[in-house]
Amino acid sequence: MLLCKFCDKEYKNSRGLKNHQSRCKNNPNRKLQKLSDEGRKKLAESARKQMTDFYKDENNRKLWSDKMLKAVRDNPDSYSKNNVSGRVKMYEINGTKVKGTWELQVAEFLNKNNIKWTNDIKGIEYFWDGKERLYFPDFYLPEMNMYIEVKGYERERDHAKWKAVDNLIIIREKEIKEIKDDKFVLG
């Protein structure tokens, strides 16, 4: 193993070490290279091609899938309440972050009705596409031992998740409208 003389980071080969050392944050003479727009595009295209080639190989896909499952199991907090899928705005309510306006409306409804809730949820195992995966519903109501999933659209995979949870309420657009109109009844 080769070590960076500035930060002791390990490298397997001298080329990687040399590239790192020239840009190491601890190097007082580090070189910061600015890329042109064309250089940035070439770099992005090269990375895209490498990833495409990587995922064409079934063994690589399985390896990556296994690593991600391990990462989720080892760091469940990173993949539950803080996980943001797609483009959704985060809101804070009573010091807890929720994803999107629908989850915010559900959280406000629960608070208004003095129903204790959390979105700090331990992953629930389910099977999809021949693999074991983890599902993190949006809310858990500890006093009712009930989960809530707030859903704007459904996919086949969602149904596989939902089958793994007996005590799950799914709140869709119709129920969100009822919450807005103060007509929703939980359960």
C-alpha atoms as a PDB file:
ATOM      1  CA  MET A   1       0.000   0.000   0.000  1.00  0.00           C
ATOM      2  CA  LEU A   2       1.124   3.526  -0.782  1.00  0.00           C
ATOM      3  CA  LEU A   3       0.308   6.391   1.592  1.00  0.00           C
ATOM      4  CA  CYS A   4      -0.288  10.046   0.837  1.00  0.00           C
ATOM      5  CA  LYS A   5       2.457  12.046   2.543  1.00  0.00           C
ATOM      6  CA  PHE A   6      -0.073  14.735   3.488  1.00  0.00           C
ATOM      7  CA  CYS A   7      -3.031  12.767   4.888  1.00  0.00           C
ATOM      8  CA  ASP A   8      -1.987   9.075   5.027  1.00  0.00           C
ATOM      9  CA  LYS A   9      -4.771   7.996   2.680  1.00  0.00           C
ATOM     10  CA  GLU A  10      -3.967   4.603   1.166  1.00  0.00           C
ATOM     11  CA  TYR A  11      -3.576   3.918  -2.550  1.00  0.00           C
ATOM     12  CA  LYS A  12      -2.952   0.701  -4.431  1.00  0.00           C
ATOM     13  CA  ASN A  13      -0.909   2.252  -7.222  1.00  0.00           C
ATOM     14  CA  SER A  14       1.413   5.198  -7.707  1.00  0.00           C
ATOM     15  CA  ARG A  15      -0.766   6.813 -10.382  1.00  0.00           C
ATOM     16  CA  GLY A  16      -3.726   7.158  -7.988  1.00  0.00           C
ATOM     17  CA  LEU A  17      -1.426   8.366  -5.230  1.00  0.00           C
ATOM     18  CA  LYS A  18       0.176  10.978  -7.479  1.00  0.00           C
ATOM     19  CA  ASN A  19      -3.213  12.303  -8.623  1.00  0.00           C
ATOM     20  CA  HIS A  20      -4.456  12.464  -5.045  1.00  0.00           C
ATOM     21  CA  GLN A  21      -1.362  14.154  -3.589  1.00  0.00           C
ATOM     22  CA  SER A  22      -1.415  16.943  -6.147  1.00  0.00           C
ATOM     23  CA  ARG A  23      -4.979  17.806  -5.028  1.00  0.00           C
ATOM     24  CA  CYS A  24      -4.866  16.687  -1.366  1.00  0.00           C
ATOM     25  CA  LYS A  25      -6.517  19.222   0.936  1.00  0.00           C
ATOM     26  CA  ASN A  26      -3.532  18.950   3.291  1.00  0.00           C
ATOM     27  CA  ASN A  27      -1.007  19.714   0.519  1.00  0.00           C
ATOM     28  CA  PRO A  28       0.066  23.347   0.961  1.00  0.00           C
ATOM     29  CA  ASN A  29       1.031  23.519  -2.735  1.00  0.00           C
ATOM     30  CA  ARG A  30      -2.003  21.663  -4.093  1.00  0.00           C
ATOM     31  CA  LYS A  31      -3.046  22.238  -7.656  1.00  0.00           C
ATOM     32  CA  LEU A  32      -6.668  23.029  -8.324  1.00  0.00           C
ATOM     33  CA  GLN A  33      -7.483  22.434 -11.925  1.00  0.00           C
ATOM     34  CA  LYS A  34     -10.462  24.193 -13.442  1.00  0.00           C
ATOM     35  CA  LEU A  35     -12.257  22.307 -16.187  1.00  0.00           C
ATOM     36  CA  SER A  36     -13.712  23.986 -19.203  1.00  0.00           C
ATOM     37  CA  ASP A  37     -17.352  23.279 -20.070  1.00  0.00           C
ATOM     38  CA  GLU A  38     -16.114  20.945 -22.818  1.00  0.00           C
ATOM     39  CA  GLY A  39     -13.789  19.153 -20.394  1.00  0.00           C
ATOM     40  CA  ARG A  40     -16.628  18.769 -17.892  1.00  0.00           C
ATOM     41  CA  LYS A  41     -18.889  17.301 -20.605  1.00  0.00           C
ATOM     42  CA  LYS A  42     -16.183  14.844 -21.710  1.00  0.00           C
ATOM     43  CA  LEU A  43     -15.572  13.764 -18.125  1.00  0.00           C
ATOM     44  CA  ALA A  44     -19.315  13.265 -17.494  1.00  0.00           C
ATOM     45  CA  GLU A  45     -19.724  11.302 -20.733  1.00  0.00           C
ATOM     46  CA  SER A  46     -16.757   9.091 -19.863  1.00  0.00           C
ATOM     47  CA  ALA A  47     -18.173   8.395 -16.397  1.00  0.00           C
ATOM     48  CA  ARG A  48     -21.606   7.626 -17.892  1.00  0.00           C
ATOM     49  CA  LYS A  49     -20.053   5.175 -20.339  1.00  0.00           C
ATOM     50  CA  GLN A  50     -18.069   3.465 -17.574  1.00  0.00           C
ATOM     51  CA  MET A  51     -21.209   3.047 -15.472  1.00  0.00           C
ATOM     52  CA  THR A  52     -23.212   1.768 -18.452  1.00  0.00           C
ATOM     53  CA  ASP A  53     -20.492  -0.766 -19.234  1.00  0.00           C
ATOM     54  CA  PHE A  54     -20.324  -1.728 -15.550  1.00  0.00           C
ATOM     55  CA  TYR A  55     -24.077  -2.390 -15.327  1.00  0.00           C
ATOM     56  CA  LYS A  56     -24.160  -4.444 -18.530  1.00  0.00           C
ATOM     57  CA  ASP A  57     -22.356  -7.178 -16.596  1.00  0.00           C
ATOM     58  CA  GLU A  58     -24.801  -9.265 -14.510  1.00  0.00           C
ATOM     59  CA  ASN A  59     -22.099 -10.050 -11.911  1.00  0.00           C
ATOM     60  CA  ASN A  60     -21.398  -6.343 -11.403  1.00  0.00           C
ATOM     61  CA  ARG A  61     -25.116  -5.610 -10.978  1.00  0.00           C
ATOM     62  CA  LYS A  62     -25.435  -8.353  -8.361  1.00  0.00           C
ATOM     63  CA  LEU A  63     -22.284  -7.188  -6.581  1.00  0.00           C
ATOM     64  CA  TRP A  64     -23.593  -3.612  -6.447  1.00  0.00           C
ATOM     65  CA  SER A  65     -27.035  -4.749  -5.315  1.00  0.00           C
ATOM     66  CA  ASP A  66     -25.512  -6.803  -2.489  1.00  0.00           C
ATOM     67  CA  LYS A  67     -23.330  -3.868  -1.413  1.00  0.00           C
ATOM     68  CA  MET A  68     -26.321  -1.510  -1.347  1.00  0.00           C
ATOM     69  CA  LEU A  69     -28.405  -3.968   0.694  1.00  0.00           C
ATOM     70  CA  LYS A  70     -25.523  -4.243   3.191  1.00  0.00           C
ATOM     71  CA  ALA A  71     -25.230  -0.443   3.305  1.00  0.00           C
ATOM     72  CA  VAL A  72     -28.948  -0.138   4.075  1.00  0.00           C
ATOM     73  CA  ARG A  73     -28.713  -2.773   6.816  1.00  0.00           C
ATOM     74  CA  ASP A  74     -25.582  -1.179   8.333  1.00  0.00           C
ATOM     75  CA  ASN A  75     -26.930   2.395   8.111  1.00  0.00           C
ATOM     76  CA  PRO A  76     -30.743   2.260   8.314  1.00  0.00           C
ATOM     77  CA  ASP A  77     -31.053   5.925   9.336  1.00  0.00           C
ATOM     78  CA  SER A  78     -29.552   6.973   6.023  1.00  0.00           C
ATOM     79  CA  TYR A  79     -32.253   5.166   4.098  1.00  0.00           C
ATOM     80  CA  SER A  80     -35.387   6.000   6.027  1.00  0.00           C
ATOM     81  CA  LYS A  81     -36.562   9.439   7.102  1.00  0.00           C
ATOM     82  CA  ASN A  82     -33.622  11.252   5.462  1.00  0.00           C
ATOM     83  CA  ASN A  83     -33.763   9.400   2.185  1.00  0.00           C
ATOM     84  CA  VAL A  84     -35.022  11.609  -0.616  1.00  0.00           C
ATOM     85  CA  SER A  85     -36.233   9.912  -3.750  1.00  0.00           C
ATOM     86  CA  GLY A  86     -36.718  12.066  -6.800  1.00  0.00           C
ATOM     87  CA  ARG A  87     -37.384  15.768  -6.547  1.00  0.00           C
ATOM     88  CA  VAL A  88     -39.296  16.340  -3.377  1.00  0.00           C
ATOM     89  CA  LYS A  89     -39.143  19.301  -1.059  1.00  0.00           C
ATOM     90  CA  MET A  90     -38.355  18.566   2.564  1.00  0.00           C
ATOM     91  CA  TYR A  91     -40.434  20.203   5.296  1.00  0.00           C
ATOM     92  CA  GLU A  92     -39.817  20.355   9.011  1.00  0.00           C
ATOM     93  CA  ILE A  93     -42.563  19.847  11.555  1.00  0.00           C
ATOM     94  CA  ASN A  94     -41.790  19.839  15.290  1.00  0.00           C
ATOM     95  CA  GLY A  95     -38.110  19.225  14.525  1.00  0.00           C
ATOM     96  CA  THR A  96     -38.787  16.245  12.242  1.00  0.00           C
ATOM     97  CA  LYS A  97     -38.278  16.306   8.487  1.00  0.00           C
ATOM     98  CA  VAL A  98     -40.983  14.992   6.169  1.00  0.00           C
ATOM     99  CA  LYS A  99     -40.928  14.579   2.410  1.00  0.00           C
ATOM    100  CA  GLY A 100     -43.334  16.639   0.347  1.00  0.00           C
ATOM    101  CA  THR A 101     -46.577  18.471   1.037  1.00  0.00           C
ATOM    102  CA  TRP A 102     -48.671  15.310   1.356  1.00  0.00           C
ATOM    103  CA  GLU A 103     -46.499  13.918   4.165  1.00  0.00           C
ATOM    104  CA  LEU A 104     -46.587  17.365   5.773  1.00  0.00           C
ATOM    105  CA  GLN A 105     -50.405  17.350   5.653  1.00  0.00           C
ATOM    106  CA  VAL A 106     -50.521  13.868   7.179  1.00  0.00           C
ATOM    107  CA  ALA A 107     -48.096  14.911   9.953  1.00  0.00           C
ATOM    108  CA  GLU A 108     -50.196  18.011  10.671  1.00  0.00           C
ATOM    109  CA  PHE A 109     -53.355  15.855  10.763  1.00  0.00           C
ATOM    110  CA  LEU A 110     -51.716  13.434  13.215  1.00  0.00           C
ATOM    111  CA  ASN A 111     -50.524  16.298  15.429  1.00  0.00           C
ATOM    112  CA  LYS A 112     -53.919  18.001  15.340  1.00  0.00           C
ATOM    113  CA  ASN A 113     -55.547  14.752  16.488  1.00  0.00           C
ATOM    114  CA  ASN A 114     -52.909  14.105  19.185  1.00  0.00           C
ATOM    115  CA  ILE A 115     -51.724  10.914  17.499  1.00  0.00           C
ATOM    116  CA  LYS A 116     -48.092  10.162  18.286  1.00  0.00           C
ATOM    117  CA  TRP A 117     -46.010   9.376  15.222  1.00  0.00           C
ATOM    118  CA  THR A 118     -42.477   8.919  14.003  1.00  0.00           C
ATOM    119  CA  ASN A 119     -40.799   8.519  10.658  1.00  0.00           C
ATOM    120  CA  ASP A 120     -37.687   7.005  12.216  1.00  0.00           C
ATOM    121  CA  ILE A 121     -38.552   3.494  11.085  1.00  0.00           C
ATOM    122  CA  LYS A 122     -36.535   0.300  11.066  1.00  0.00           C
ATOM    123  CA  GLY A 123     -36.593  -1.325   7.615  1.00  0.00           C
ATOM    124  CA  ILE A 124     -39.150  -4.073   6.985  1.00  0.00           C
ATOM    125  CA  GLU A 125     -37.975  -6.997   4.860  1.00  0.00           C
ATOM    126  CA  TYR A 126     -39.835  -7.853   1.673  1.00  0.00           C
ATOM    127  CA  PHE A 127     -39.057  -9.781  -1.476  1.00  0.00           C
ATOM    128  CA  TRP A 128     -39.079  -8.304  -4.959  1.00  0.00           C
ATOM    129  CA  ASP A 129     -37.616  -9.570  -8.182  1.00  0.00           C
ATOM    130  CA  GLY A 130     -36.154 -12.607  -6.406  1.00  0.00           C
ATOM    131  CA  LYS A 131     -34.217 -10.520  -3.861  1.00  0.00           C
ATOM    132  CA  GLU A 132     -34.662  -9.551  -0.248  1.00  0.00           C
ATOM    133  CA  ARG A 133     -35.065  -5.800   0.181  1.00  0.00           C
ATOM    134  CA  LEU A 134     -36.002  -3.307   2.876  1.00  0.00           C
ATOM    135  CA  TYR A 135     -39.103  -1.106   2.969  1.00  0.00           C
ATOM    136  CA  PHE A 136     -39.366   2.061   5.044  1.00  0.00           C
ATOM    137  CA  PRO A 137     -43.003   3.244   5.351  1.00  0.00           C
ATOM    138  CA  ASP A 138     -43.511   6.983   5.761  1.00  0.00           C
ATOM    139  CA  PHE A 139     -44.943   7.004   9.312  1.00  0.00           C
ATOM    140  CA  TYR A 140     -45.286   4.719  12.309  1.00  0.00           C
ATOM    141  CA  LEU A 141     -47.938   5.294  14.970  1.00  0.00           C
ATOM    142  CA  PRO A 142     -46.492   3.592  18.087  1.00  0.00           C
ATOM    143  CA  GLU A 143     -49.627   3.794  20.261  1.00  0.00           C
ATOM    144  CA  MET A 144     -51.701   2.183  17.495  1.00  0.00           C
ATOM    145  CA  ASN A 145     -48.928  -0.108  16.203  1.00  0.00           C
ATOM    146  CA  MET A 146     -49.757   1.053  12.698  1.00  0.00           C
ATOM    147  CA  TYR A 147     -47.774   2.220   9.673  1.00  0.00           C
ATOM    148  CA  ILE A 148     -48.812   4.829   7.121  1.00  0.00           C
ATOM    149  CA  GLU A 149     -47.646   5.039   3.521  1.00  0.00           C
ATOM    150  CA  VAL A 150     -48.419   8.252   1.652  1.00  0.00           C
ATOM    151  CA  LYS A 151     -48.602   7.444  -2.040  1.00  0.00           C
ATOM    152  CA  GLY A 152     -49.327   9.492  -5.131  1.00  0.00           C
ATOM    153  CA  TYR A 153     -48.817   6.655  -7.621  1.00  0.00           C
ATOM    154  CA  GLU A 154     -48.412   2.907  -7.413  1.00  0.00           C
ATOM    155  CA  ARG A 155     -46.095   0.438  -9.039  1.00  0.00           C
ATOM    156  CA  GLU A 156     -46.017  -3.329  -8.889  1.00  0.00           C
ATOM    157  CA  ARG A 157     -43.089  -3.123  -6.495  1.00  0.00           C
ATOM    158  CA  ASP A 158     -45.180  -1.053  -4.063  1.00  0.00           C
ATOM    159  CA  HIS A 159     -47.700  -3.884  -3.778  1.00  0.00           C
ATOM    160  CA  ALA A 160     -44.874  -6.285  -2.861  1.00  0.00           C
ATOM    161  CA  LYS A 161     -43.803  -3.885  -0.088  1.00  0.00           C
ATOM    162  CA  TRP A 162     -47.326  -3.456   1.229  1.00  0.00           C
ATOM    163  CA  LYS A 163     -47.905  -7.216   1.455  1.00  0.00           C
ATOM    164  CA  ALA A 164     -45.040  -7.393   3.959  1.00  0.00           C
ATOM    165  CA  VAL A 165     -46.893  -5.138   6.446  1.00  0.00           C
ATOM    166  CA  ASP A 166     -50.198  -6.284   7.954  1.00  0.00           C
ATOM    167  CA  ASN A 167     -50.840  -3.075   9.872  1.00  0.00           C
ATOM    168  CA  LEU A 168     -50.452  -0.554   7.022  1.00  0.00           C
ATOM    169  CA  ILE A 169     -52.742   2.272   5.983  1.00  0.00           C
ATOM    170  CA  ILE A 170     -52.163   3.686   2.504  1.00  0.00           C
ATOM    171  CA  ILE A 171     -53.061   7.326   2.089  1.00  0.00           C
ATOM    172  CA  ARG A 172     -53.650   8.320  -1.519  1.00  0.00           C
ATOM    173  CA  GLU A 173     -54.848  11.497  -3.213  1.00  0.00           C
ATOM    174  CA  LYS A 174     -58.491  10.892  -2.166  1.00  0.00           C
ATOM    175  CA  GLU A 175     -57.513  10.701   1.515  1.00  0.00           C
ATOM    176  CA  ILE A 176     -55.267  13.780   1.197  1.00  0.00           C
ATOM    177  CA  LYS A 177     -58.301  15.701  -0.098  1.00  0.00           C
ATOM    178  CA  GLU A 178     -60.323  14.421   2.880  1.00  0.00           C
ATOM    179  CA  ILE A 179     -57.549  15.588   5.230  1.00  0.00           C
ATOM    180  CA  LYS A 180     -57.627  19.059   3.598  1.00  0.00           C
ATOM    181  CA  ASP A 181     -61.433  19.146   3.922  1.00  0.00           C
ATOM    182  CA  ASP A 182     -61.232  17.961   7.549  1.00  0.00           C
ATOM    183  CA  LYS A 183     -63.244  14.834   6.703  1.00  0.00           C
ATOM    184  CA  PHE A 184     -60.569  12.132   7.039  1.00  0.00           C
ATOM    185  CA  VAL A 185     -60.967   9.404   9.651  1.00  0.00           C
ATOM    186  CA  LEU A 186     -57.941   7.283  10.455  1.00  0.00           C
ATOM    187  CA  GLY A 187     -58.411   3.536  10.388  1.00  0.00           C
END
